[in-house]
Amino acid sequence: MEANESPFLVGERIYLREVRTGDVNAAYRTWLNDAEVNQYLETRFVPRSLENIAIYVRDLDGKSESVFLAICLKENGIHVGNIKVGPINWIHRFGDISLFIGDKSQWRRGLGSEAISLVTRFAFNELNLNRLQAGCYRSNVGSARAFEKCGFRREGILRKKRFSKGAYEDELILALLREEWREKG
């Protein structure tokens, strides 16, 4: 972790901090425009420029309905992806989790699971949410495994909800309740 960082949540190998407009750089743009990185992201349907990424980051900054965080390596402070809790429904006390690891050199290292675990603890303990949920394409086995590793359960399938690679694909719905998370310990 760099000396000038102020992490929001700290894990074993990563820390999470706010996404900053300074994070919007050529690497970030490359992530969002890389067909392998964005194959399961809804952002893939429109080319991303530095300008429209910066607008998205600015629009989420400080919003109460979303907590938008950069995933950074503790060893060197490098920003490798993002995770978001949101939108948050404050009346019914639930929120969605979405994430991606943009830096392909960090894939299959368990960083997604570690980030999910950190925001899950934060969402249940600090935000007082009762339920967290996530959706992923059925073929996105890595994402489903990352959530399941953190205690999320498959709740359902939304048949042929997503269009990918010329065909419709099912979306898996995974969720975790606060009481299940506490029991898991």
C-alpha atoms as a PDB file:
ATOM      1  CA  MET A   1       0.000   0.000   0.000  1.00  0.00           C
ATOM      2  CA  GLU A   2       1.340   3.402  -0.932  1.00  0.00           C
ATOM      3  CA  ALA A   3       1.983   5.882   1.855  1.00  0.00           C
ATOM      4  CA  ASN A   4      -0.491   8.453   0.500  1.00  0.00           C
ATOM      5  CA  GLU A   5      -3.385   5.968   0.255  1.00  0.00           C
ATOM      6  CA  SER A   6      -6.335   6.061   2.584  1.00  0.00           C
ATOM      7  CA  PRO A   7      -7.989   2.667   2.201  1.00  0.00           C
ATOM      8  CA  PHE A   8     -11.678   2.278   2.950  1.00  0.00           C
ATOM      9  CA  LEU A   9     -11.579  -1.485   3.541  1.00  0.00           C
ATOM     10  CA  VAL A  10      -8.444  -3.601   3.977  1.00  0.00           C
ATOM     11  CA  GLY A  11      -8.057  -7.293   3.234  1.00  0.00           C
ATOM     12  CA  GLU A  12      -5.196  -9.730   3.181  1.00  0.00           C
ATOM     13  CA  ARG A  13      -3.903  -8.936  -0.327  1.00  0.00           C
ATOM     14  CA  ILE A  14      -6.050  -6.017  -1.408  1.00  0.00           C
ATOM     15  CA  TYR A  15      -7.598  -2.851  -0.136  1.00  0.00           C
ATOM     16  CA  LEU A  16     -10.628  -0.992  -1.387  1.00  0.00           C
ATOM     17  CA  ARG A  17     -10.831   2.767  -1.718  1.00  0.00           C
ATOM     18  CA  GLU A  18     -13.037   5.212  -3.552  1.00  0.00           C
ATOM     19  CA  VAL A  19     -12.734   5.235  -7.336  1.00  0.00           C
ATOM     20  CA  ARG A  20     -11.180   8.551  -8.310  1.00  0.00           C
ATOM     21  CA  THR A  21     -11.247  10.483 -11.534  1.00  0.00           C
ATOM     22  CA  GLY A  22      -7.458  10.086 -11.440  1.00  0.00           C
ATOM     23  CA  ASP A  23      -8.007   6.332 -11.886  1.00  0.00           C
ATOM     24  CA  VAL A  24      -9.500   7.042 -15.300  1.00  0.00           C
ATOM     25  CA  ASN A  25      -6.483   6.463 -17.489  1.00  0.00           C
ATOM     26  CA  ALA A  26      -5.419   4.511 -20.579  1.00  0.00           C
ATOM     27  CA  ALA A  27      -5.290   1.221 -18.635  1.00  0.00           C
ATOM     28  CA  TYR A  28      -8.848   1.680 -17.332  1.00  0.00           C
ATOM     29  CA  ARG A  29     -10.091   2.522 -20.839  1.00  0.00           C
ATOM     30  CA  THR A  30      -8.302  -0.563 -22.184  1.00  0.00           C
ATOM     31  CA  TRP A  31     -10.033  -2.781 -19.589  1.00  0.00           C
ATOM     32  CA  LEU A  32     -13.489  -1.559 -20.567  1.00  0.00           C
ATOM     33  CA  ASN A  33     -12.796  -1.914 -24.295  1.00  0.00           C
ATOM     34  CA  ASP A  34     -11.017  -5.298 -24.118  1.00  0.00           C
ATOM     35  CA  ALA A  35     -13.366  -8.020 -25.430  1.00  0.00           C
ATOM     36  CA  GLU A  36     -11.985 -10.590 -22.983  1.00  0.00           C
ATOM     37  CA  VAL A  37     -12.296  -8.315 -19.931  1.00  0.00           C
ATOM     38  CA  ASN A  38     -15.694  -6.893 -20.797  1.00  0.00           C
ATOM     39  CA  GLN A  39     -17.326 -10.081 -22.155  1.00  0.00           C
ATOM     40  CA  TYR A  40     -19.725 -10.152 -19.171  1.00  0.00           C
ATOM     41  CA  LEU A  41     -20.008  -6.396 -18.590  1.00  0.00           C
ATOM     42  CA  GLU A  42     -22.955  -4.419 -19.887  1.00  0.00           C
ATOM     43  CA  THR A  43     -20.510  -1.646 -20.806  1.00  0.00           C
ATOM     44  CA  ARG A  44     -19.250  -3.755 -23.734  1.00  0.00           C
ATOM     45  CA  PHE A  45     -22.024  -2.570 -26.046  1.00  0.00           C
ATOM     46  CA  VAL A  46     -20.663   0.974 -26.335  1.00  0.00           C
ATOM     47  CA  PRO A  47     -17.002   1.921 -26.864  1.00  0.00           C
ATOM     48  CA  ARG A  48     -15.633   3.650 -23.777  1.00  0.00           C
ATOM     49  CA  SER A  49     -13.621   6.865 -23.912  1.00  0.00           C
ATOM     50  CA  LEU A  50     -11.716   8.493 -21.089  1.00  0.00           C
ATOM     51  CA  GLU A  51     -14.374  11.203 -21.062  1.00  0.00           C
ATOM     52  CA  ASN A  52     -17.401   8.936 -20.658  1.00  0.00           C
ATOM     53  CA  ILE A  53     -15.621   6.811 -18.040  1.00  0.00           C
ATOM     54  CA  ALA A  54     -14.772   9.967 -16.065  1.00  0.00           C
ATOM     55  CA  ILE A  55     -18.421  11.084 -16.224  1.00  0.00           C
ATOM     56  CA  TYR A  56     -19.538   7.696 -14.859  1.00  0.00           C
ATOM     57  CA  VAL A  57     -17.009   7.886 -12.010  1.00  0.00           C
ATOM     58  CA  ARG A  58     -18.008  11.469 -11.152  1.00  0.00           C
ATOM     59  CA  ASP A  59     -21.708  10.574 -11.259  1.00  0.00           C
ATOM     60  CA  LEU A  60     -21.252   7.789  -8.672  1.00  0.00           C
ATOM     61  CA  ASP A  61     -19.009   9.800  -6.359  1.00  0.00           C
ATOM     62  CA  GLY A  62     -20.691  10.338  -3.008  1.00  0.00           C
ATOM     63  CA  LYS A  63     -24.055   8.870  -4.025  1.00  0.00           C
ATOM     64  CA  SER A  64     -25.928   7.229  -1.149  1.00  0.00           C
ATOM     65  CA  GLU A  65     -27.454   4.553  -3.366  1.00  0.00           C
ATOM     66  CA  SER A  66     -24.081   3.103  -4.418  1.00  0.00           C
ATOM     67  CA  VAL A  67     -20.712   2.425  -2.843  1.00  0.00           C
ATOM     68  CA  PHE A  68     -18.205   2.381  -5.733  1.00  0.00           C
ATOM     69  CA  LEU A  69     -14.713   1.171  -4.844  1.00  0.00           C
ATOM     70  CA  ALA A  70     -11.377   0.563  -6.527  1.00  0.00           C
ATOM     71  CA  ILE A  71      -9.725  -2.802  -5.905  1.00  0.00           C
ATOM     72  CA  CYS A  72      -6.020  -2.135  -5.254  1.00  0.00           C
ATOM     73  CA  LEU A  73      -3.120  -4.449  -4.488  1.00  0.00           C
ATOM     74  CA  LYS A  74      -1.710  -3.927  -0.995  1.00  0.00           C
ATOM     75  CA  GLU A  75       1.847  -4.670  -2.126  1.00  0.00           C
ATOM     76  CA  ASN A  76       2.091  -1.753  -4.555  1.00  0.00           C
ATOM     77  CA  GLY A  77      -1.191   0.199  -4.603  1.00  0.00           C
ATOM     78  CA  ILE A  78      -1.955  -0.714  -8.210  1.00  0.00           C
ATOM     79  CA  HIS A  79      -5.629  -0.381  -9.160  1.00  0.00           C
ATOM     80  CA  VAL A  80      -6.688  -3.703 -10.731  1.00  0.00           C
ATOM     81  CA  GLY A  81     -10.491  -3.490 -10.860  1.00  0.00           C
ATOM     82  CA  ASN A  82     -13.663  -2.172  -9.264  1.00  0.00           C
ATOM     83  CA  ILE A  83     -16.473  -3.386  -7.042  1.00  0.00           C
ATOM     84  CA  LYS A  84     -19.801  -1.704  -6.396  1.00  0.00           C
ATOM     85  CA  VAL A  85     -22.586  -2.215  -3.901  1.00  0.00           C
ATOM     86  CA  GLY A  86     -25.558  -0.638  -5.558  1.00  0.00           C
ATOM     87  CA  PRO A  87     -28.099   0.271  -6.283  1.00  0.00           C
ATOM     88  CA  ILE A  88     -29.015   0.046  -2.616  1.00  0.00           C
ATOM     89  CA  ASN A  89     -32.667  -0.077  -1.631  1.00  0.00           C
ATOM     90  CA  TRP A  90     -32.711   1.620   1.792  1.00  0.00           C
ATOM     91  CA  ILE A  91     -36.359   0.806   2.486  1.00  0.00           C
ATOM     92  CA  HIS A  92     -36.052  -2.941   1.979  1.00  0.00           C
ATOM     93  CA  ARG A  93     -32.365  -3.055   3.050  1.00  0.00           C
ATOM     94  CA  PHE A  94     -30.810  -4.835   0.067  1.00  0.00           C
ATOM     95  CA  GLY A  95     -28.205  -4.088  -2.545  1.00  0.00           C
ATOM     96  CA  ASP A  96     -26.614  -5.546  -5.634  1.00  0.00           C
ATOM     97  CA  ILE A  97     -22.915  -6.336  -5.901  1.00  0.00           C
ATOM     98  CA  SER A  98     -21.055  -6.096  -9.178  1.00  0.00           C
ATOM     99  CA  LEU A  99     -17.348  -6.228  -9.874  1.00  0.00           C
ATOM    100  CA  PHE A 100     -14.653  -6.855 -12.405  1.00  0.00           C
ATOM    101  CA  ILE A 101     -10.922  -7.415 -12.343  1.00  0.00           C
ATOM    102  CA  GLY A 102      -9.631  -5.456 -15.323  1.00  0.00           C
ATOM    103  CA  ASP A 103      -5.958  -6.345 -14.990  1.00  0.00           C
ATOM    104  CA  LYS A 104      -5.808  -9.794 -16.623  1.00  0.00           C
ATOM    105  CA  SER A 105      -2.501 -10.590 -14.892  1.00  0.00           C
ATOM    106  CA  GLN A 106      -4.524 -10.676 -11.638  1.00  0.00           C
ATOM    107  CA  TRP A 107      -7.184 -13.112 -12.850  1.00  0.00           C
ATOM    108  CA  ARG A 108      -7.670 -16.450 -11.067  1.00  0.00           C
ATOM    109  CA  ARG A 109      -5.905 -15.280  -7.908  1.00  0.00           C
ATOM    110  CA  GLY A 110      -9.001 -14.982  -5.698  1.00  0.00           C
ATOM    111  CA  LEU A 111      -8.998 -11.176  -5.634  1.00  0.00           C
ATOM    112  CA  GLY A 112     -12.650 -11.040  -6.669  1.00  0.00           C
ATOM    113  CA  SER A 113     -13.643 -13.277  -3.750  1.00  0.00           C
ATOM    114  CA  GLU A 114     -11.578 -11.202  -1.354  1.00  0.00           C
ATOM    115  CA  ALA A 115     -13.240  -7.994  -2.590  1.00  0.00           C
ATOM    116  CA  ILE A 116     -16.707  -9.576  -2.311  1.00  0.00           C
ATOM    117  CA  SER A 117     -15.924 -10.685   1.233  1.00  0.00           C
ATOM    118  CA  LEU A 118     -14.794  -7.180   2.240  1.00  0.00           C
ATOM    119  CA  VAL A 119     -17.853  -5.399   0.853  1.00  0.00           C
ATOM    120  CA  THR A 120     -20.178  -8.079   2.238  1.00  0.00           C
ATOM    121  CA  ARG A 121     -18.885  -7.474   5.760  1.00  0.00           C
ATOM    122  CA  PHE A 122     -19.195  -3.716   5.245  1.00  0.00           C
ATOM    123  CA  ALA A 123     -22.718  -3.968   3.789  1.00  0.00           C
ATOM    124  CA  PHE A 124     -24.042  -6.123   6.632  1.00  0.00           C
ATOM    125  CA  ASN A 125     -22.180  -4.525   9.537  1.00  0.00           C
ATOM    126  CA  GLU A 126     -21.967  -0.863   8.558  1.00  0.00           C
ATOM    127  CA  LEU A 127     -24.789  -0.294   6.077  1.00  0.00           C
ATOM    128  CA  ASN A 128     -27.146  -2.581   7.983  1.00  0.00           C
ATOM    129  CA  LEU A 129     -28.324  -4.306   4.820  1.00  0.00           C
ATOM    130  CA  ASN A 130     -30.218  -7.558   5.164  1.00  0.00           C
ATOM    131  CA  ARG A 131     -29.609  -8.998   1.703  1.00  0.00           C
ATOM    132  CA  LEU A 132     -26.969  -8.810  -0.996  1.00  0.00           C
ATOM    133  CA  GLN A 133     -27.536 -10.119  -4.474  1.00  0.00           C
ATOM    134  CA  ALA A 134     -25.644 -10.530  -7.720  1.00  0.00           C
ATOM    135  CA  GLY A 135     -26.417 -11.649 -11.208  1.00  0.00           C
ATOM    136  CA  CYS A 136     -24.043 -13.189 -13.703  1.00  0.00           C
ATOM    137  CA  TYR A 137     -24.179 -14.830 -17.082  1.00  0.00           C
ATOM    138  CA  ARG A 138     -24.482 -18.604 -16.750  1.00  0.00           C
ATOM    139  CA  SER A 139     -21.217 -19.021 -18.689  1.00  0.00           C
ATOM    140  CA  ASN A 140     -19.380 -16.712 -16.261  1.00  0.00           C
ATOM    141  CA  VAL A 141     -18.275 -19.618 -14.084  1.00  0.00           C
ATOM    142  CA  GLY A 142     -15.510 -17.613 -12.368  1.00  0.00           C
ATOM    143  CA  SER A 143     -17.900 -14.951 -11.117  1.00  0.00           C
ATOM    144  CA  ALA A 144     -20.423 -17.500  -9.843  1.00  0.00           C
ATOM    145  CA  ARG A 145     -17.632 -19.373  -8.020  1.00  0.00           C
ATOM    146  CA  ALA A 146     -16.311 -16.168  -6.443  1.00  0.00           C
ATOM    147  CA  PHE A 147     -19.727 -15.364  -4.978  1.00  0.00           C
ATOM    148  CA  GLU A 148     -20.360 -18.941  -3.868  1.00  0.00           C
ATOM    149  CA  LYS A 149     -16.969 -19.018  -2.155  1.00  0.00           C
ATOM    150  CA  CYS A 150     -18.239 -16.074  -0.076  1.00  0.00           C
ATOM    151  CA  GLY A 151     -21.434 -17.886   0.934  1.00  0.00           C
ATOM    152  CA  PHE A 152     -23.798 -16.641  -1.763  1.00  0.00           C
ATOM    153  CA  ARG A 153     -26.369 -19.189  -2.896  1.00  0.00           C
ATOM    154  CA  ARG A 154     -27.879 -19.661  -6.300  1.00  0.00           C
ATOM    155  CA  GLU A 155     -31.487 -18.550  -6.003  1.00  0.00           C
ATOM    156  CA  GLY A 156     -32.686 -18.700  -9.526  1.00  0.00           C
ATOM    157  CA  ILE A 157     -32.186 -18.499 -13.220  1.00  0.00           C
ATOM    158  CA  LEU A 158     -33.575 -15.779 -15.439  1.00  0.00           C
ATOM    159  CA  ARG A 159     -33.945 -17.690 -18.679  1.00  0.00           C
ATOM    160  CA  LYS A 160     -32.364 -16.195 -21.797  1.00  0.00           C
ATOM    161  CA  LYS A 161     -32.180 -12.741 -20.227  1.00  0.00           C
ATOM    162  CA  ARG A 162     -28.795 -11.696 -21.646  1.00  0.00           C
ATOM    163  CA  PHE A 163     -27.571 -11.510 -25.233  1.00  0.00           C
ATOM    164  CA  SER A 164     -23.988 -12.647 -25.684  1.00  0.00           C
ATOM    165  CA  LYS A 165     -21.927 -13.805 -28.649  1.00  0.00           C
ATOM    166  CA  GLY A 166     -24.902 -13.980 -30.965  1.00  0.00           C
ATOM    167  CA  ALA A 167     -27.224 -15.924 -28.660  1.00  0.00           C
ATOM    168  CA  TYR A 168     -29.393 -15.450 -25.602  1.00  0.00           C
ATOM    169  CA  GLU A 169     -28.012 -16.724 -22.323  1.00  0.00           C
ATOM    170  CA  ASP A 170     -29.437 -17.381 -18.876  1.00  0.00           C
ATOM    171  CA  GLU A 171     -28.577 -15.109 -15.952  1.00  0.00           C
ATOM    172  CA  LEU A 172     -27.830 -16.723 -12.595  1.00  0.00           C
ATOM    173  CA  ILE A 173     -29.118 -14.930  -9.504  1.00  0.00           C
ATOM    174  CA  LEU A 174     -27.054 -15.392  -6.345  1.00  0.00           C
ATOM    175  CA  ALA A 175     -27.806 -13.930  -2.935  1.00  0.00           C
ATOM    176  CA  LEU A 176     -26.691 -13.910   0.676  1.00  0.00           C
ATOM    177  CA  LEU A 177     -28.748 -12.936   3.706  1.00  0.00           C
ATOM    178  CA  ARG A 178     -27.182 -11.306   6.750  1.00  0.00           C
ATOM    179  CA  GLU A 179     -28.327 -14.202   9.001  1.00  0.00           C
ATOM    180  CA  GLU A 180     -26.649 -16.745   6.683  1.00  0.00           C
ATOM    181  CA  TRP A 181     -23.474 -14.687   6.627  1.00  0.00           C
ATOM    182  CA  ARG A 182     -23.413 -14.503  10.439  1.00  0.00           C
ATOM    183  CA  GLU A 183     -23.959 -18.266  10.739  1.00  0.00           C
ATOM    184  CA  LYS A 184     -21.082 -18.874   8.331  1.00  0.00           C
ATOM    185  CA  GLY A 185     -18.942 -16.805  10.693  1.00  0.00           C
END
